[in-house]
Amino acid sequence: MPILDVEIVGLPGNFPDDLVQRIADGAGAALDSRPRGTWVKLTFLRAGRYAENGGVEEGVSPVFVRLIQGQIPSPDQLQGQITRLAWAISTATGVPSDNVHIIIEPDAKGRVAFGGKLIE
């Protein structure tokens, strides 16, 4: 049940119309998720609402991903997941994987509910 909250710095018109499906399919494969088991929410952030100290390199469109899983795997397994996930998102968006930033949220167990039922 991985959930990804993906935010891309840039305009939607610069990306394919089916981008969110491409991300979901790539993420599902990267995380070894069953069909309809990986959920993705996609938003865009105008470049004027993003900054880095010293300025943003020309042509860079960072991608920020928040990843929620039922239980975070071991560090070795997590590193493998993150490598595959960054590559999948890079492939879907055309953004270099160096510009794909993944934030791992705490375990969903005991703190996330679906349809009013807490994940145990």
PDB file of N, CA and C in Angstrom:
ATOM      1  N   MET A   1       0.788  -1.194   0.000  1.00  0.00           N
ATOM      2  CA  MET A   1       0.000   0.000   0.000  1.00  0.00           C
ATOM      3  C   MET A   1       0.833   1.263   0.000  1.00  0.00           C
ATOM      4  N   PRO A   2       1.900   1.279  -0.723  1.00  0.00           N
ATOM      5  CA  PRO A   2       2.669   2.518  -0.751  1.00  0.00           C
ATOM      6  C   PRO A   2       1.824   3.685  -1.267  1.00  0.00           C
ATOM      7  N   ILE A   3       2.015   4.820  -0.629  1.00  0.00           N
ATOM      8  CA  ILE A   3       1.365   6.064  -1.054  1.00  0.00           C
ATOM      9  C   ILE A   3       2.482   7.051  -1.351  1.00  0.00           C
ATOM     10  N   LEU A   4       2.407   7.676  -2.511  1.00  0.00           N
ATOM     11  CA  LEU A   4       3.398   8.674  -2.903  1.00  0.00           C
ATOM     12  C   LEU A   4       2.708  10.006  -3.115  1.00  0.00           C
ATOM     13  N   ASP A   5       3.238  11.019  -2.495  1.00  0.00           N
ATOM     14  CA  ASP A   5       2.803  12.394  -2.715  1.00  0.00           C
ATOM     15  C   ASP A   5       3.939  13.048  -3.486  1.00  0.00           C
ATOM     16  N   VAL A   6       3.724  13.283  -4.775  1.00  0.00           N
ATOM     17  CA  VAL A   6       4.772  13.766  -5.675  1.00  0.00           C
ATOM     18  C   VAL A   6       4.513  15.228  -6.012  1.00  0.00           C
ATOM     19  N   GLU A   7       5.537  16.051  -5.859  1.00  0.00           N
ATOM     20  CA  GLU A   7       5.443  17.467  -6.213  1.00  0.00           C
ATOM     21  C   GLU A   7       6.592  17.802  -7.153  1.00  0.00           C
ATOM     22  N   ILE A   8       6.247  18.354  -8.304  1.00  0.00           N
ATOM     23  CA  ILE A   8       7.240  18.698  -9.317  1.00  0.00           C
ATOM     24  C   ILE A   8       7.304  20.203  -9.457  1.00  0.00           C
ATOM     25  N   VAL A   9       8.516  20.743  -9.426  1.00  0.00           N
ATOM     26  CA  VAL A   9       8.705  22.169  -9.676  1.00  0.00           C
ATOM     27  C   VAL A   9       8.684  22.355 -11.186  1.00  0.00           C
ATOM     28  N   GLY A  10       7.659  23.011 -11.672  1.00  0.00           N
ATOM     29  CA  GLY A  10       7.500  23.224 -13.101  1.00  0.00           C
ATOM     30  C   GLY A  10       6.032  23.301 -13.465  1.00  0.00           C
ATOM     31  N   LEU A  11       5.756  23.484 -14.726  1.00  0.00           N
ATOM     32  CA  LEU A  11       4.386  23.613 -15.210  1.00  0.00           C
ATOM     33  C   LEU A  11       3.890  22.291 -15.769  1.00  0.00           C
ATOM     34  N   PRO A  12       2.620  21.940 -15.542  1.00  0.00           N
ATOM     35  CA  PRO A  12       2.081  20.676 -16.047  1.00  0.00           C
ATOM     36  C   PRO A  12       2.250  20.515 -17.556  1.00  0.00           C
ATOM     37  N   GLY A  13       2.174  21.606 -18.294  1.00  0.00           N
ATOM     38  CA  GLY A  13       2.288  21.534 -19.744  1.00  0.00           C
ATOM     39  C   GLY A  13       3.646  21.067 -20.229  1.00  0.00           C
ATOM     40  N   ASN A  14       4.634  21.046 -19.347  1.00  0.00           N
ATOM     41  CA  ASN A  14       5.975  20.584 -19.716  1.00  0.00           C
ATOM     42  C   ASN A  14       6.134  19.071 -19.559  1.00  0.00           C
ATOM     43  N   PHE A  15       5.057  18.392 -19.165  1.00  0.00           N
ATOM     44  CA  PHE A  15       5.108  16.961 -18.894  1.00  0.00           C
ATOM     45  C   PHE A  15       3.966  16.263 -19.634  1.00  0.00           C
ATOM     46  N   PRO A  16       4.076  14.948 -19.882  1.00  0.00           N
ATOM     47  CA  PRO A  16       3.012  14.224 -20.585  1.00  0.00           C
ATOM     48  C   PRO A  16       1.706  14.214 -19.788  1.00  0.00           C
ATOM     49  N   ASP A  17       0.590  14.150 -20.498  1.00  0.00           N
ATOM     50  CA  ASP A  17      -0.727  14.132 -19.848  1.00  0.00           C
ATOM     51  C   ASP A  17      -0.908  12.928 -18.934  1.00  0.00           C
ATOM     52  N   ASP A  18      -0.288  11.802 -19.279  1.00  0.00           N
ATOM     53  CA  ASP A  18      -0.460  10.592 -18.485  1.00  0.00           C
ATOM     54  C   ASP A  18       0.657  10.415 -17.442  1.00  0.00           C
ATOM     55  N   LEU A  19       1.271  11.515 -17.052  1.00  0.00           N
ATOM     56  CA  LEU A  19       2.425  11.445 -16.144  1.00  0.00           C
ATOM     57  C   LEU A  19       2.108  10.737 -14.835  1.00  0.00           C
ATOM     58  N   VAL A  20       0.990  11.057 -14.218  1.00  0.00           N
ATOM     59  CA  VAL A  20       0.695  10.446 -12.921  1.00  0.00           C
ATOM     60  C   VAL A  20       0.549   8.926 -13.051  1.00  0.00           C
ATOM     61  N   GLN A  21      -0.018   8.444 -14.158  1.00  0.00           N
ATOM     62  CA  GLN A  21      -0.125   6.995 -14.367  1.00  0.00           C
ATOM     63  C   GLN A  21       1.248   6.382 -14.598  1.00  0.00           C
ATOM     64  N   ARG A  22       2.089   7.081 -15.345  1.00  0.00           N
ATOM     65  CA  ARG A  22       3.458   6.597 -15.560  1.00  0.00           C
ATOM     66  C   ARG A  22       4.204   6.476 -14.233  1.00  0.00           C
ATOM     67  N   ILE A  23       4.040   7.481 -13.370  1.00  0.00           N
ATOM     68  CA  ILE A  23       4.690   7.442 -12.053  1.00  0.00           C
ATOM     69  C   ILE A  23       4.140   6.281 -11.237  1.00  0.00           C
ATOM     70  N   ALA A  24       2.813   6.125 -11.229  1.00  0.00           N
ATOM     71  CA  ALA A  24       2.198   5.047 -10.443  1.00  0.00           C
ATOM     72  C   ALA A  24       2.669   3.676 -10.924  1.00  0.00           C
ATOM     73  N   ASP A  25       2.703   3.481 -12.230  1.00  0.00           N
ATOM     74  CA  ASP A  25       3.143   2.189 -12.759  1.00  0.00           C
ATOM     75  C   ASP A  25       4.615   1.926 -12.449  1.00  0.00           C
ATOM     76  N   GLY A  26       5.453   2.933 -12.637  1.00  0.00           N
ATOM     77  CA  GLY A  26       6.873   2.783 -12.337  1.00  0.00           C
ATOM     78  C   GLY A  26       7.128   2.564 -10.859  1.00  0.00           C
ATOM     79  N   ALA A  27       6.408   3.318 -10.020  1.00  0.00           N
ATOM     80  CA  ALA A  27       6.573   3.175  -8.569  1.00  0.00           C
ATOM     81  C   ALA A  27       6.080   1.810  -8.104  1.00  0.00           C
ATOM     82  N   GLY A  28       4.963   1.356  -8.666  1.00  0.00           N
ATOM     83  CA  GLY A  28       4.450   0.037  -8.297  1.00  0.00           C
ATOM     84  C   GLY A  28       5.460  -1.056  -8.593  1.00  0.00           C
ATOM     85  N   ALA A  29       6.088  -0.970  -9.750  1.00  0.00           N
ATOM     86  CA  ALA A  29       7.117  -1.954 -10.109  1.00  0.00           C
ATOM     87  C   ALA A  29       8.335  -1.815  -9.199  1.00  0.00           C
ATOM     88  N   ALA A  30       8.763  -0.588  -8.949  1.00  0.00           N
ATOM     89  CA  ALA A  30       9.949  -0.350  -8.111  1.00  0.00           C
ATOM     90  C   ALA A  30       9.744  -0.840  -6.683  1.00  0.00           C
ATOM     91  N   LEU A  31       8.509  -0.741  -6.201  1.00  0.00           N
ATOM     92  CA  LEU A  31       8.216  -1.116  -4.817  1.00  0.00           C
ATOM     93  C   LEU A  31       7.595  -2.512  -4.721  1.00  0.00           C
ATOM     94  N   ASP A  32       7.538  -3.211  -5.855  1.00  0.00           N
ATOM     95  CA  ASP A  32       7.003  -4.570  -5.911  1.00  0.00           C
ATOM     96  C   ASP A  32       5.595  -4.629  -5.324  1.00  0.00           C
ATOM     97  N   SER A  33       4.755  -3.716  -5.780  1.00  0.00           N
ATOM     98  CA  SER A  33       3.401  -3.584  -5.272  1.00  0.00           C
ATOM     99  C   SER A  33       2.412  -4.306  -6.186  1.00  0.00           C
ATOM    100  N   ARG A  34       1.364  -4.856  -5.601  1.00  0.00           N
ATOM    101  CA  ARG A  34       0.316  -5.516  -6.388  1.00  0.00           C
ATOM    102  C   ARG A  34      -0.439  -4.472  -7.214  1.00  0.00           C
ATOM    103  N   PRO A  35      -1.159  -4.888  -8.262  1.00  0.00           N
ATOM    104  CA  PRO A  35      -1.953  -3.934  -9.048  1.00  0.00           C
ATOM    105  C   PRO A  35      -2.932  -3.161  -8.149  1.00  0.00           C
ATOM    106  N   ARG A  36      -3.026  -1.879  -8.375  1.00  0.00           N
ATOM    107  CA  ARG A  36      -3.837  -0.935  -7.603  1.00  0.00           C
ATOM    108  C   ARG A  36      -3.409  -0.862  -6.135  1.00  0.00           C
ATOM    109  N   GLY A  37      -2.169  -1.253  -5.870  1.00  0.00           N
ATOM    110  CA  GLY A  37      -1.659  -1.218  -4.504  1.00  0.00           C
ATOM    111  C   GLY A  37      -0.776  -0.017  -4.221  1.00  0.00           C
ATOM    112  N   THR A  38      -0.384   0.727  -5.250  1.00  0.00           N
ATOM    113  CA  THR A  38       0.429   1.928  -5.076  1.00  0.00           C
ATOM    114  C   THR A  38      -0.395   3.122  -5.519  1.00  0.00           C
ATOM    115  N   TRP A  39      -0.514   4.090  -4.637  1.00  0.00           N
ATOM    116  CA  TRP A  39      -1.339   5.262  -4.906  1.00  0.00           C
ATOM    117  C   TRP A  39      -0.440   6.488  -5.044  1.00  0.00           C
ATOM    118  N   VAL A  40      -0.746   7.325  -6.019  1.00  0.00           N
ATOM    119  CA  VAL A  40       0.077   8.499  -6.285  1.00  0.00           C
ATOM    120  C   VAL A  40      -0.800   9.741  -6.390  1.00  0.00           C
ATOM    121  N   LYS A  41      -0.384  10.782  -5.702  1.00  0.00           N
ATOM    122  CA  LYS A  41      -1.005  12.102  -5.828  1.00  0.00           C
ATOM    123  C   LYS A  41       0.058  13.023  -6.401  1.00  0.00           C
ATOM    124  N   LEU A  42      -0.274  13.737  -7.466  1.00  0.00           N
ATOM    125  CA  LEU A  42       0.691  14.580  -8.171  1.00  0.00           C
ATOM    126  C   LEU A  42       0.258  16.035  -8.133  1.00  0.00           C
ATOM    127  N   THR A  43       1.192  16.909  -7.756  1.00  0.00           N
ATOM    128  CA  THR A  43       0.955  18.352  -7.812  1.00  0.00           C
ATOM    129  C   THR A  43       2.164  19.020  -8.458  1.00  0.00           C
ATOM    130  N   PHE A  44       1.931  20.219  -8.963  1.00  0.00           N
ATOM    131  CA  PHE A  44       2.990  21.010  -9.581  1.00  0.00           C
ATOM    132  C   PHE A  44       3.162  22.300  -8.797  1.00  0.00           C
ATOM    133  N   LEU A  45       4.397  22.754  -8.731  1.00  0.00           N
ATOM    134  CA  LEU A  45       4.741  23.992  -8.043  1.00  0.00           C
ATOM    135  C   LEU A  45       5.402  24.916  -9.053  1.00  0.00           C
ATOM    136  N   ARG A  46       4.825  26.079  -9.243  1.00  0.00           N
ATOM    137  CA  ARG A  46       5.432  27.047 -10.166  1.00  0.00           C
ATOM    138  C   ARG A  46       6.866  27.324  -9.742  1.00  0.00           C
ATOM    139  N   ALA A  47       7.727  27.504 -10.713  1.00  0.00           N
ATOM    140  CA  ALA A  47       9.154  27.732 -10.439  1.00  0.00           C
ATOM    141  C   ALA A  47       9.358  28.943  -9.533  1.00  0.00           C
ATOM    142  N   GLY A  48       8.505  29.951  -9.648  1.00  0.00           N
ATOM    143  CA  GLY A  48       8.621  31.147  -8.816  1.00  0.00           C
ATOM    144  C   GLY A  48       8.316  30.904  -7.355  1.00  0.00           C
ATOM    145  N   ARG A  49       7.852  29.720  -7.018  1.00  0.00           N
ATOM    146  CA  ARG A  49       7.551  29.367  -5.629  1.00  0.00           C
ATOM    147  C   ARG A  49       8.567  28.385  -5.059  1.00  0.00           C
ATOM    148  N   TYR A  50       9.703  28.258  -5.752  1.00  0.00           N
ATOM    149  CA  TYR A  50      10.771  27.369  -5.309  1.00  0.00           C
ATOM    150  C   TYR A  50      12.089  28.118  -5.414  1.00  0.00           C
ATOM    151  N   ALA A  51      12.946  27.953  -4.407  1.00  0.00           N
ATOM    152  CA  ALA A  51      14.259  28.600  -4.430  1.00  0.00           C
ATOM    153  C   ALA A  51      15.281  27.723  -3.723  1.00  0.00           C
ATOM    154  N   GLU A  52      16.531  27.968  -4.040  1.00  0.00           N
ATOM    155  CA  GLU A  52      17.667  27.363  -3.344  1.00  0.00           C
ATOM    156  C   GLU A  52      18.608  28.497  -2.985  1.00  0.00           C
ATOM    157  N   ASN A  53      19.298  28.355  -1.854  1.00  0.00           N
ATOM    158  CA  ASN A  53      20.265  29.402  -1.538  1.00  0.00           C
ATOM    159  C   ASN A  53      21.322  29.440  -2.639  1.00  0.00           C
ATOM    160  N   GLY A  54      21.623  30.611  -3.114  1.00  0.00           N
ATOM    161  CA  GLY A  54      22.566  30.767  -4.217  1.00  0.00           C
ATOM    162  C   GLY A  54      21.907  30.689  -5.583  1.00  0.00           C
ATOM    163  N   GLY A  55      20.607  30.399  -5.618  1.00  0.00           N
ATOM    164  CA  GLY A  55      19.872  30.337  -6.877  1.00  0.00           C
ATOM    165  C   GLY A  55      19.706  28.918  -7.392  1.00  0.00           C
ATOM    166  N   VAL A  56      18.730  28.749  -8.262  1.00  0.00           N
ATOM    167  CA  VAL A  56      18.426  27.452  -8.857  1.00  0.00           C
ATOM    168  C   VAL A  56      19.131  27.349 -10.202  1.00  0.00           C
ATOM    169  N   GLU A  57      19.755  26.224 -10.448  1.00  0.00           N
ATOM    170  CA  GLU A  57      20.425  25.997 -11.725  1.00  0.00           C
ATOM    171  C   GLU A  57      19.399  26.060 -12.856  1.00  0.00           C
ATOM    172  N   GLU A  58      19.747  26.705 -13.932  1.00  0.00           N
ATOM    173  CA  GLU A  58      18.859  26.863 -15.089  1.00  0.00           C
ATOM    174  C   GLU A  58      18.391  25.505 -15.603  1.00  0.00           C
ATOM    175  N   GLY A  59      17.094  25.398 -15.853  1.00  0.00           N
ATOM    176  CA  GLY A  59      16.530  24.189 -16.438  1.00  0.00           C
ATOM    177  C   GLY A  59      16.278  23.046 -15.469  1.00  0.00           C
ATOM    178  N   VAL A  60      16.524  23.249 -14.178  1.00  0.00           N
ATOM    179  CA  VAL A  60      16.316  22.194 -13.192  1.00  0.00           C
ATOM    180  C   VAL A  60      14.865  22.215 -12.714  1.00  0.00           C
ATOM    181  N   SER A  61      14.228  21.050 -12.705  1.00  0.00           N
ATOM    182  CA  SER A  61      12.863  20.889 -12.193  1.00  0.00           C
ATOM    183  C   SER A  61      12.882  19.817 -11.114  1.00  0.00           C
ATOM    184  N   PRO A  62      13.207  20.172  -9.878  1.00  0.00           N
ATOM    185  CA  PRO A  62      13.271  19.153  -8.833  1.00  0.00           C
ATOM    186  C   PRO A  62      11.927  18.447  -8.638  1.00  0.00           C
ATOM    187  N   VAL A  63      12.020  17.197  -8.221  1.00  0.00           N
ATOM    188  CA  VAL A  63      10.847  16.399  -7.887  1.00  0.00           C
ATOM    189  C   VAL A  63      10.992  15.988  -6.426  1.00  0.00           C
ATOM    190  N   PHE A  64       9.960  16.278  -5.639  1.00  0.00           N
ATOM    191  CA  PHE A  64       9.945  15.902  -4.226  1.00  0.00           C
ATOM    192  C   PHE A  64       8.885  14.827  -4.028  1.00  0.00           C
ATOM    193  N   VAL A  65       9.273  13.742  -3.381  1.00  0.00           N
ATOM    194  CA  VAL A  65       8.380  12.607  -3.178  1.00  0.00           C
ATOM    195  C   VAL A  65       8.311  12.287  -1.694  1.00  0.00           C
ATOM    196  N   ARG A  66       7.109  12.228  -1.167  1.00  0.00           N
ATOM    197  CA  ARG A  66       6.900  11.733   0.193  1.00  0.00           C
ATOM    198  C   ARG A  66       6.367  10.312   0.038  1.00  0.00           C
ATOM    199  N   LEU A  67       7.046   9.364   0.674  1.00  0.00           N
ATOM    200  CA  LEU A  67       6.690   7.952   0.556  1.00  0.00           C
ATOM    201  C   LEU A  67       6.205   7.429   1.902  1.00  0.00           C
ATOM    202  N   ILE A  68       4.984   6.883   1.891  1.00  0.00           N
ATOM    203  CA  ILE A  68       4.416   6.251   3.082  1.00  0.00           C
ATOM    204  C   ILE A  68       4.241   4.770   2.762  1.00  0.00           C
ATOM    205  N   GLN A  69       4.713   3.913   3.667  1.00  0.00           N
ATOM    206  CA  GLN A  69       4.535   2.474   3.542  1.00  0.00           C
ATOM    207  C   GLN A  69       4.002   1.940   4.862  1.00  0.00           C
ATOM    208  N   GLY A  70       3.362   0.777   4.815  1.00  0.00           N
ATOM    209  CA  GLY A  70       2.851   0.172   6.045  1.00  0.00           C
ATOM    210  C   GLY A  70       3.949   0.030   7.079  1.00  0.00           C
ATOM    211  N   GLN A  71       5.071  -0.487   6.645  1.00  0.00           N
ATOM    212  CA  GLN A  71       6.238  -0.642   7.507  1.00  0.00           C
ATOM    213  C   GLN A  71       7.484  -0.394   6.674  1.00  0.00           C
ATOM    214  N   ILE A  72       8.367   0.421   7.168  1.00  0.00           N
ATOM    215  CA  ILE A  72       9.616   0.708   6.471  1.00  0.00           C
ATOM    216  C   ILE A  72      10.491  -0.543   6.524  1.00  0.00           C
ATOM    217  N   PRO A  73      11.020  -0.962   5.369  1.00  0.00           N
ATOM    218  CA  PRO A  73      11.872  -2.157   5.366  1.00  0.00           C
ATOM    219  C   PRO A  73      13.236  -1.887   6.005  1.00  0.00           C
ATOM    220  N   SER A  74      14.044  -2.923   6.087  1.00  0.00           N
ATOM    221  CA  SER A  74      15.396  -2.796   6.637  1.00  0.00           C
ATOM    222  C   SER A  74      16.179  -1.769   5.809  1.00  0.00           C
ATOM    223  N   PRO A  75      17.239  -1.196   6.376  1.00  0.00           N
ATOM    224  CA  PRO A  75      18.013  -0.181   5.644  1.00  0.00           C
ATOM    225  C   PRO A  75      18.510  -0.661   4.274  1.00  0.00           C
ATOM    226  N   ASP A  76      18.976  -1.899   4.172  1.00  0.00           N
ATOM    227  CA  ASP A  76      19.445  -2.406   2.878  1.00  0.00           C
ATOM    228  C   ASP A  76      18.310  -2.508   1.875  1.00  0.00           C
ATOM    229  N   GLN A  77      17.166  -3.036   2.304  1.00  0.00           N
ATOM    230  CA  GLN A  77      16.005  -3.142   1.420  1.00  0.00           C
ATOM    231  C   GLN A  77      15.496  -1.754   1.053  1.00  0.00           C
ATOM    232  N   LEU A  78      15.491  -0.844   2.014  1.00  0.00           N
ATOM    233  CA  LEU A  78      15.016   0.512   1.766  1.00  0.00           C
ATOM    234  C   LEU A  78      15.899   1.202   0.731  1.00  0.00           C
ATOM    235  N   GLN A  79      17.206   1.042   0.837  1.00  0.00           N
ATOM    236  CA  GLN A  79      18.109   1.663  -0.134  1.00  0.00           C
ATOM    237  C   GLN A  79      17.821   1.145  -1.544  1.00  0.00           C
ATOM    238  N   GLY A  80      17.583  -0.146  -1.667  1.00  0.00           N
ATOM    239  CA  GLY A  80      17.233  -0.717  -2.964  1.00  0.00           C
ATOM    240  C   GLY A  80      15.935  -0.137  -3.501  1.00  0.00           C
ATOM    241  N   GLN A  81      14.931  -0.026  -2.635  1.00  0.00           N
ATOM    242  CA  GLN A  81      13.652   0.563  -3.039  1.00  0.00           C
ATOM    243  C   GLN A  81      13.836   2.002  -3.522  1.00  0.00           C
ATOM    244  N   ILE A  82      14.590   2.769  -2.765  1.00  0.00           N
ATOM    245  CA  ILE A  82      14.779   4.188  -3.072  1.00  0.00           C
ATOM    246  C   ILE A  82      15.521   4.344  -4.398  1.00  0.00           C
ATOM    247  N   THR A  83      16.524   3.531  -4.629  1.00  0.00           N
ATOM    248  CA  THR A  83      17.260   3.588  -5.892  1.00  0.00           C
ATOM    249  C   THR A  83      16.330   3.292  -7.061  1.00  0.00           C
ATOM    250  N   ARG A  84      15.529   2.221  -6.929  1.00  0.00           N
ATOM    251  CA  ARG A  84      14.593   1.850  -7.999  1.00  0.00           C
ATOM    252  C   ARG A  84      13.507   2.913  -8.178  1.00  0.00           C
ATOM    253  N   LEU A  85      13.013   3.452  -7.074  1.00  0.00           N
ATOM    254  CA  LEU A  85      11.953   4.462  -7.136  1.00  0.00           C
ATOM    255  C   LEU A  85      12.449   5.747  -7.785  1.00  0.00           C
ATOM    256  N   ALA A  86      13.633   6.198  -7.419  1.00  0.00           N
ATOM    257  CA  ALA A  86      14.201   7.414  -8.031  1.00  0.00           C
ATOM    258  C   ALA A  86      14.368   7.217  -9.534  1.00  0.00           C
ATOM    259  N   TRP A  87      14.840   6.041  -9.945  1.00  0.00           N
ATOM    260  CA  TRP A  87      15.009   5.756 -11.363  1.00  0.00           C
ATOM    261  C   TRP A  87      13.658   5.754 -12.075  1.00  0.00           C
ATOM    262  N   ALA A  88      12.645   5.118 -11.465  1.00  0.00           N
ATOM    263  CA  ALA A  88      11.309   5.047 -12.078  1.00  0.00           C
ATOM    264  C   ALA A  88      10.704   6.434 -12.244  1.00  0.00           C
ATOM    265  N   ILE A  89      10.850   7.280 -11.235  1.00  0.00           N
ATOM    266  CA  ILE A  89      10.299   8.632 -11.320  1.00  0.00           C
ATOM    267  C   ILE A  89      11.091   9.460 -12.318  1.00  0.00           C
ATOM    268  N   SER A  90      12.390   9.282 -12.346  1.00  0.00           N
ATOM    269  CA  SER A  90      13.224   9.960 -13.333  1.00  0.00           C
ATOM    270  C   SER A  90      12.800   9.575 -14.749  1.00  0.00           C
ATOM    271  N   THR A  91      12.581   8.293 -14.963  1.00  0.00           N
ATOM    272  CA  THR A  91      12.165   7.800 -16.277  1.00  0.00           C
ATOM    273  C   THR A  91      10.805   8.385 -16.672  1.00  0.00           C
ATOM    274  N   ALA A  92       9.863   8.411 -15.740  1.00  0.00           N
ATOM    275  CA  ALA A  92       8.513   8.910 -16.026  1.00  0.00           C
ATOM    276  C   ALA A  92       8.495  10.407 -16.309  1.00  0.00           C
ATOM    277  N   THR A  93       9.307  11.161 -15.570  1.00  0.00           N
ATOM    278  CA  THR A  93       9.260  12.627 -15.667  1.00  0.00           C
ATOM    279  C   THR A  93      10.276  13.208 -16.641  1.00  0.00           C
ATOM    280  N   GLY A  94      11.339  12.465 -16.901  1.00  0.00           N
ATOM    281  CA  GLY A  94      12.434  13.008 -17.706  1.00  0.00           C
ATOM    282  C   GLY A  94      13.360  13.888 -16.886  1.00  0.00           C
ATOM    283  N   VAL A  95      13.160  13.933 -15.587  1.00  0.00           N
ATOM    284  CA  VAL A  95      14.015  14.699 -14.674  1.00  0.00           C
ATOM    285  C   VAL A  95      15.157  13.785 -14.229  1.00  0.00           C
ATOM    286  N   PRO A  96      16.409  14.244 -14.282  1.00  0.00           N
ATOM    287  CA  PRO A  96      17.524  13.392 -13.844  1.00  0.00           C
ATOM    288  C   PRO A  96      17.303  12.883 -12.413  1.00  0.00           C
ATOM    289  N   SER A  97      17.692  11.649 -12.154  1.00  0.00           N
ATOM    290  CA  SER A  97      17.467  11.076 -10.820  1.00  0.00           C
ATOM    291  C   SER A  97      18.180  11.863  -9.721  1.00  0.00           C
ATOM    292  N   ASP A  98      19.228  12.610 -10.069  1.00  0.00           N
ATOM    293  CA  ASP A  98      19.897  13.475  -9.078  1.00  0.00           C
ATOM    294  C   ASP A  98      18.958  14.561  -8.566  1.00  0.00           C
ATOM    295  N   ASN A  99      17.893  14.840  -9.323  1.00  0.00           N
ATOM    296  CA  ASN A  99      16.938  15.876  -8.932  1.00  0.00           C
ATOM    297  C   ASN A  99      15.629  15.295  -8.400  1.00  0.00           C
ATOM    298  N   VAL A 100      15.625  13.990  -8.108  1.00  0.00           N
ATOM    299  CA  VAL A 100      14.468  13.340  -7.493  1.00  0.00           C
ATOM    300  C   VAL A 100      14.798  13.133  -6.020  1.00  0.00           C
ATOM    301  N   HIS A 101      14.034  13.787  -5.151  1.00  0.00           N
ATOM    302  CA  HIS A 101      14.311  13.775  -3.711  1.00  0.00           C
ATOM    303  C   HIS A 101      13.174  13.048  -2.998  1.00  0.00           C
ATOM    304  N   ILE A 102      13.508  11.984  -2.278  1.00  0.00           N
ATOM    305  CA  ILE A 102      12.504  11.130  -1.641  1.00  0.00           C
ATOM    306  C   ILE A 102      12.596  11.267  -0.132  1.00  0.00           C
ATOM    307  N   ILE A 103      11.453  11.562   0.463  1.00  0.00           N
ATOM    308  CA  ILE A 103      11.354  11.699   1.915  1.00  0.00           C
ATOM    309  C   ILE A 103      10.574  10.489   2.424  1.00  0.00           C
ATOM    310  N   ILE A 104      11.174   9.733   3.314  1.00  0.00           N
ATOM    311  CA  ILE A 104      10.553   8.530   3.860  1.00  0.00           C
ATOM    312  C   ILE A 104       9.763   8.920   5.106  1.00  0.00           C
ATOM    313  N   GLU A 105       8.467   8.689   5.059  1.00  0.00           N
ATOM    314  CA  GLU A 105       7.607   8.960   6.215  1.00  0.00           C
ATOM    315  C   GLU A 105       7.663   7.782   7.185  1.00  0.00           C
ATOM    316  N   PRO A 106       7.307   8.010   8.453  1.00  0.00           N
ATOM    317  CA  PRO A 106       7.267   6.891   9.417  1.00  0.00           C
ATOM    318  C   PRO A 106       6.266   5.818   8.984  1.00  0.00           C
ATOM    319  N   ASP A 107       6.378   4.623   9.587  1.00  0.00           N
ATOM    320  CA  ASP A 107       5.441   3.531   9.306  1.00  0.00           C
ATOM    321  C   ASP A 107       4.003   4.028   9.345  1.00  0.00           C
ATOM    322  N   ALA A 108       3.186   3.532   8.421  1.00  0.00           N
ATOM    323  CA  ALA A 108       1.763   3.881   8.399  1.00  0.00           C
ATOM    324  C   ALA A 108       0.997   3.129   9.487  1.00  0.00           C
ATOM    325  N   LYS A 109       1.537   1.988   9.897  1.00  0.00           N
ATOM    326  CA  LYS A 109       0.868   1.184  10.929  1.00  0.00           C
ATOM    327  C   LYS A 109       0.554   2.033  12.156  1.00  0.00           C
ATOM    328  N   GLY A 110      -0.714   1.995  12.559  1.00  0.00           N
ATOM    329  CA  GLY A 110      -1.119   2.697  13.764  1.00  0.00           C
ATOM    330  C   GLY A 110      -1.302   4.192  13.603  1.00  0.00           C
ATOM    331  N   ARG A 111      -1.097   4.736  12.401  1.00  0.00           N
ATOM    332  CA  ARG A 111      -1.273   6.180  12.240  1.00  0.00           C
ATOM    333  C   ARG A 111      -1.985   6.591  10.955  1.00  0.00           C
ATOM    334  N   VAL A 112      -2.293   5.616  10.073  1.00  0.00           N
ATOM    335  CA  VAL A 112      -3.007   5.902   8.827  1.00  0.00           C
ATOM    336  C   VAL A 112      -4.226   4.992   8.783  1.00  0.00           C
ATOM    337  N   ALA A 113      -5.358   5.559   8.327  1.00  0.00           N
ATOM    338  CA  ALA A 113      -6.592   4.786   8.227  1.00  0.00           C
ATOM    339  C   ALA A 113      -7.134   4.862   6.806  1.00  0.00           C
ATOM    340  N   PHE A 114      -7.672   3.742   6.341  1.00  0.00           N
ATOM    341  CA  PHE A 114      -8.325   3.675   5.029  1.00  0.00           C
ATOM    342  C   PHE A 114      -9.778   3.299   5.281  1.00  0.00           C
ATOM    343  N   GLY A 115     -10.690   4.107   4.767  1.00  0.00           N
ATOM    344  CA  GLY A 115     -12.108   3.818   4.945  1.00  0.00           C
ATOM    345  C   GLY A 115     -12.506   3.742   6.416  1.00  0.00           C
ATOM    346  N   GLY A 116     -11.836   4.525   7.241  1.00  0.00           N
ATOM    347  CA  GLY A 116     -12.144   4.532   8.670  1.00  0.00           C
ATOM    348  C   GLY A 116     -11.527   3.400   9.459  1.00  0.00           C
ATOM    349  N   LYS A 117     -10.651   2.602   8.823  1.00  0.00           N
ATOM    350  CA  LYS A 117     -10.017   1.489   9.534  1.00  0.00           C
ATOM    351  C   LYS A 117      -8.519   1.735   9.629  1.00  0.00           C
ATOM    352  N   LEU A 118      -8.034   1.755  10.835  1.00  0.00           N
ATOM    353  CA  LEU A 118      -6.623   1.980  11.106  1.00  0.00           C
ATOM    354  C   LEU A 118      -5.795   0.811  10.599  1.00  0.00           C
ATOM    355  N   ILE A 119      -4.674   1.101   9.970  1.00  0.00           N
ATOM    356  CA  ILE A 119      -3.763   0.049   9.508  1.00  0.00           C
ATOM    357  C   ILE A 119      -3.059  -0.526  10.724  1.00  0.00           C
ATOM    358  N   GLU A 120      -3.139  -1.810  10.859  1.00  0.00           N
ATOM    359  CA  GLU A 120      -2.498  -2.509  11.985  1.00  0.00           C
ATOM    360  C   GLU A 120      -1.330  -3.328  11.522  1.00  0.00           C
TER     361      GLU A 120
END
